[in-house]
């Protein structure tokens, strides 16, 4: 049996001391400003390591309810162009 050491990248993602909902799919939704992977806001992601365990648990309790915000269709390319041009959808 070989002793496998984690790569630097794997080590960077491991934070045993801080529980995190991060799933390494970091894409910020342009309208909701939520991460498509973990559903946290940019502010929550930024402050995560400075939050108390109770604050982190409170955010994590809210995450399941946020999923619906990302599942709504936004109208595709035509709607995006209309928004860009200031036209009503």
C-alpha atoms as a PDB file:
ATOM      1  CA  UNK A   1       0.000   0.000   0.000  1.00  0.00           C
ATOM      2  CA  UNK A   2       1.433   3.362  -0.996  1.00  0.00           C
ATOM      3  CA  UNK A   3       1.229   6.473   1.117  1.00  0.00           C
ATOM      4  CA  UNK A   4      -0.614   9.029  -1.029  1.00  0.00           C
ATOM      5  CA  UNK A   5      -0.002  12.629  -0.054  1.00  0.00           C
ATOM      6  CA  UNK A   6      -2.538  15.281  -1.053  1.00  0.00           C
ATOM      7  CA  UNK A   7      -1.432  17.716  -3.714  1.00  0.00           C
ATOM      8  CA  UNK A   8      -1.094  21.397  -2.853  1.00  0.00           C
ATOM      9  CA  UNK A   9      -4.429  22.039  -4.574  1.00  0.00           C
ATOM     10  CA  UNK A  10      -6.195  19.340  -2.560  1.00  0.00           C
ATOM     11  CA  UNK A  11      -4.667  20.666   0.653  1.00  0.00           C
ATOM     12  CA  UNK A  12      -5.875  24.182  -0.137  1.00  0.00           C
ATOM     13  CA  UNK A  13      -9.471  22.957  -0.380  1.00  0.00           C
ATOM     14  CA  UNK A  14      -9.341  21.124   2.944  1.00  0.00           C
ATOM     15  CA  UNK A  15     -10.256  23.253   5.903  1.00  0.00           C
ATOM     16  CA  UNK A  16     -11.017  20.800   8.700  1.00  0.00           C
ATOM     17  CA  UNK A  17     -11.428  23.584  11.207  1.00  0.00           C
ATOM     18  CA  UNK A  18     -14.174  25.323   9.214  1.00  0.00           C
ATOM     19  CA  UNK A  19     -17.283  23.583   7.921  1.00  0.00           C
ATOM     20  CA  UNK A  20     -18.155  24.801   4.438  1.00  0.00           C
ATOM     21  CA  UNK A  21     -20.852  24.106   1.831  1.00  0.00           C
ATOM     22  CA  UNK A  22     -18.348  24.691  -0.991  1.00  0.00           C
ATOM     23  CA  UNK A  23     -18.563  22.043  -3.732  1.00  0.00           C
ATOM     24  CA  UNK A  24     -15.793  23.560  -5.921  1.00  0.00           C
ATOM     25  CA  UNK A  25     -18.294  24.799  -8.538  1.00  0.00           C
ATOM     26  CA  UNK A  26     -17.646  28.496  -8.148  1.00  0.00           C
ATOM     27  CA  UNK A  27     -19.833  30.377 -10.632  1.00  0.00           C
ATOM     28  CA  UNK A  28     -21.624  33.542  -9.568  1.00  0.00           C
ATOM     29  CA  UNK A  29     -25.128  33.931 -11.048  1.00  0.00           C
ATOM     30  CA  UNK A  30     -25.276  37.367 -12.711  1.00  0.00           C
ATOM     31  CA  UNK A  31     -28.674  38.388 -11.330  1.00  0.00           C
ATOM     32  CA  UNK A  32     -29.014  36.673  -7.954  1.00  0.00           C
ATOM     33  CA  UNK A  33     -25.289  37.154  -7.135  1.00  0.00           C
ATOM     34  CA  UNK A  34     -25.311  33.678  -5.550  1.00  0.00           C
ATOM     35  CA  UNK A  35     -22.728  30.983  -6.193  1.00  0.00           C
ATOM     36  CA  UNK A  36     -24.295  28.274  -8.371  1.00  0.00           C
ATOM     37  CA  UNK A  37     -22.347  25.627  -6.458  1.00  0.00           C
ATOM     38  CA  UNK A  38     -22.882  26.425  -2.781  1.00  0.00           C
ATOM     39  CA  UNK A  39     -25.674  29.051  -3.025  1.00  0.00           C
ATOM     40  CA  UNK A  40     -23.839  31.524  -0.787  1.00  0.00           C
ATOM     41  CA  UNK A  41     -23.703  35.221  -1.626  1.00  0.00           C
ATOM     42  CA  UNK A  42     -20.399  36.849  -2.510  1.00  0.00           C
ATOM     43  CA  UNK A  43     -20.425  38.595   0.878  1.00  0.00           C
ATOM     44  CA  UNK A  44     -20.975  35.293   2.704  1.00  0.00           C
ATOM     45  CA  UNK A  45     -18.171  33.619   0.770  1.00  0.00           C
ATOM     46  CA  UNK A  46     -15.830  36.514   1.533  1.00  0.00           C
ATOM     47  CA  UNK A  47     -16.641  36.590   5.248  1.00  0.00           C
ATOM     48  CA  UNK A  48     -16.923  32.797   5.724  1.00  0.00           C
ATOM     49  CA  UNK A  49     -13.603  32.240   7.497  1.00  0.00           C
ATOM     50  CA  UNK A  50     -14.267  35.192   9.825  1.00  0.00           C
ATOM     51  CA  UNK A  51     -17.816  34.108  10.766  1.00  0.00           C
ATOM     52  CA  UNK A  52     -18.526  32.401  14.039  1.00  0.00           C
ATOM     53  CA  UNK A  53     -19.641  28.758  13.884  1.00  0.00           C
ATOM     54  CA  UNK A  54     -23.186  29.901  14.763  1.00  0.00           C
ATOM     55  CA  UNK A  55     -23.200  32.435  11.898  1.00  0.00           C
ATOM     56  CA  UNK A  56     -21.993  29.773   9.454  1.00  0.00           C
ATOM     57  CA  UNK A  57     -24.653  27.312  10.655  1.00  0.00           C
ATOM     58  CA  UNK A  58     -27.339  29.985  10.205  1.00  0.00           C
ATOM     59  CA  UNK A  59     -26.254  30.607   6.605  1.00  0.00           C
ATOM     60  CA  UNK A  60     -26.078  26.871   5.889  1.00  0.00           C
ATOM     61  CA  UNK A  61     -29.618  26.446   7.230  1.00  0.00           C
ATOM     62  CA  UNK A  62     -30.853  28.987   4.640  1.00  0.00           C
ATOM     63  CA  UNK A  63     -29.074  27.432   1.636  1.00  0.00           C
ATOM     64  CA  UNK A  64     -31.681  24.773   0.705  1.00  0.00           C
ATOM     65  CA  UNK A  65     -34.328  27.501   0.259  1.00  0.00           C
ATOM     66  CA  UNK A  66     -32.092  29.475  -2.130  1.00  0.00           C
ATOM     67  CA  UNK A  67     -31.857  26.803  -4.819  1.00  0.00           C
ATOM     68  CA  UNK A  68     -35.096  27.857  -6.492  1.00  0.00           C
ATOM     69  CA  UNK A  69     -33.682  31.298  -7.264  1.00  0.00           C
ATOM     70  CA  UNK A  70     -31.179  29.738  -9.678  1.00  0.00           C
ATOM     71  CA  UNK A  71     -33.618  27.370 -11.383  1.00  0.00           C
ATOM     72  CA  UNK A  72     -35.815  30.084 -12.887  1.00  0.00           C
ATOM     73  CA  UNK A  73     -35.433  30.531 -16.620  1.00  0.00           C
ATOM     74  CA  UNK A  74     -34.356  34.017 -17.537  1.00  0.00           C
ATOM     75  CA  UNK A  75     -35.459  34.013 -21.179  1.00  0.00           C
ATOM     76  CA  UNK A  76     -32.224  32.988 -22.880  1.00  0.00           C
ATOM     77  CA  UNK A  77     -30.297  35.086 -25.353  1.00  0.00           C
ATOM     78  CA  UNK A  78     -33.269  37.193 -26.523  1.00  0.00           C
ATOM     79  CA  UNK A  79     -34.098  38.276 -22.981  1.00  0.00           C
ATOM     80  CA  UNK A  80     -30.438  38.983 -22.219  1.00  0.00           C
ATOM     81  CA  UNK A  81     -30.161  41.204 -25.305  1.00  0.00           C
ATOM     82  CA  UNK A  82     -33.428  42.978 -24.406  1.00  0.00           C
ATOM     83  CA  UNK A  83     -32.145  43.662 -20.886  1.00  0.00           C
ATOM     84  CA  UNK A  84     -28.856  44.934 -22.289  1.00  0.00           C
ATOM     85  CA  UNK A  85     -30.665  47.234 -24.699  1.00  0.00           C
ATOM     86  CA  UNK A  86     -33.092  48.449 -22.027  1.00  0.00           C
ATOM     87  CA  UNK A  87     -36.166  46.929 -23.639  1.00  0.00           C
ATOM     88  CA  UNK A  88     -38.988  45.321 -21.715  1.00  0.00           C
ATOM     89  CA  UNK A  89     -39.108  41.479 -21.943  1.00  0.00           C
END
